[in-house]
Amino acid sequence: MDAFTAGILQRIRNAEQDLHRAQESGDDFLAEVEQSELDDLHRLAAEHGISVARPEVHAA
């Protein structure tokens, strides 16, 4: 795995964790920001042929 791929995957993991924390704390604005970041990272990964499994989304 090259450094670019590893970096993108790490950023996705971090964004997923940050999103989860924002949702747990009830911070809707931060959750929207983190979801946007996560969407952008998934788009970037797809553009570069990096396969990333999206976690299941559970409605609150």
Protein backbone atom coordinates (compact mmCIF):
# COMPACT_ATOMS: atom_id res chain seq x y z
CA MET A 1 0.00 0.00 0.00
CA ASP A 2 1.43 3.36 -0.97
CA ALA A 3 1.54 6.41 1.29
CA PHE A 4 -1.33 8.15 -0.53
CA THR A 5 -3.67 5.19 -0.07
CA ALA A 6 -2.67 4.74 3.56
CA GLY A 7 -3.23 8.44 4.19
CA ILE A 8 -6.69 8.47 2.63
CA LEU A 9 -7.73 5.36 4.57
CA GLN A 10 -6.46 6.87 7.84
CA ARG A 11 -8.30 10.14 7.16
CA ILE A 12 -11.50 8.15 6.49
CA ARG A 13 -11.12 6.26 9.79
CA ASN A 14 -10.53 9.53 11.64
CA ALA A 15 -13.54 11.21 10.00
CA GLU A 16 -15.75 8.21 10.84
CA GLN A 17 -14.68 8.41 14.49
CA ASP A 18 -15.21 12.18 14.59
CA LEU A 19 -18.65 11.79 13.00
CA HIS A 20 -19.62 9.16 15.56
CA ARG A 21 -18.48 11.39 18.45
CA ALA A 22 -20.40 14.37 17.05
CA GLN A 23 -23.55 12.28 16.69
CA GLU A 24 -23.21 10.88 20.21
CA SER A 25 -22.77 14.35 21.68
CA GLY A 26 -25.78 15.69 19.77
CA ASP A 27 -23.73 18.27 17.86
CA ASP A 28 -25.73 18.35 14.63
CA PHE A 29 -23.60 21.03 12.98
CA LEU A 30 -20.34 19.18 13.61
CA ALA A 31 -21.95 15.94 12.46
CA GLU A 32 -22.88 17.61 9.15
CA VAL A 33 -19.34 18.95 8.76
CA GLU A 34 -17.83 15.53 9.47
CA GLN A 35 -20.29 13.80 7.10
CA SER A 36 -19.31 16.22 4.33
CA GLU A 37 -15.62 15.51 4.99
CA LEU A 38 -16.30 11.78 4.91
CA ASP A 39 -18.24 12.08 1.64
CA ASP A 40 -15.36 14.05 0.09
CA LEU A 41 -12.82 11.47 1.22
CA HIS A 42 -14.89 8.61 -0.19
CA ARG A 43 -15.18 10.50 -3.49
CA LEU A 44 -11.43 11.11 -3.56
CA ALA A 45 -10.74 7.45 -2.80
CA ALA A 46 -13.08 6.32 -5.60
CA GLU A 47 -11.44 8.71 -8.07
CA HIS A 48 -8.10 7.06 -7.32
CA GLY A 49 -9.36 3.47 -7.38
CA ILE A 50 -9.17 2.97 -3.62
CA SER A 51 -11.83 0.56 -2.43
CA VAL A 52 -13.45 1.60 0.84
CA ALA A 53 -16.38 -0.18 2.42
CA ARG A 54 -18.93 2.30 3.71
CA PRO A 55 -20.25 1.44 7.17
CA GLU A 56 -23.95 0.85 7.61
CA VAL A 57 -25.87 4.00 8.40
CA HIS A 58 -28.19 3.67 11.38
CA ALA A 59 -30.98 6.21 11.66
CA ALA A 60 -31.31 7.80 15.07
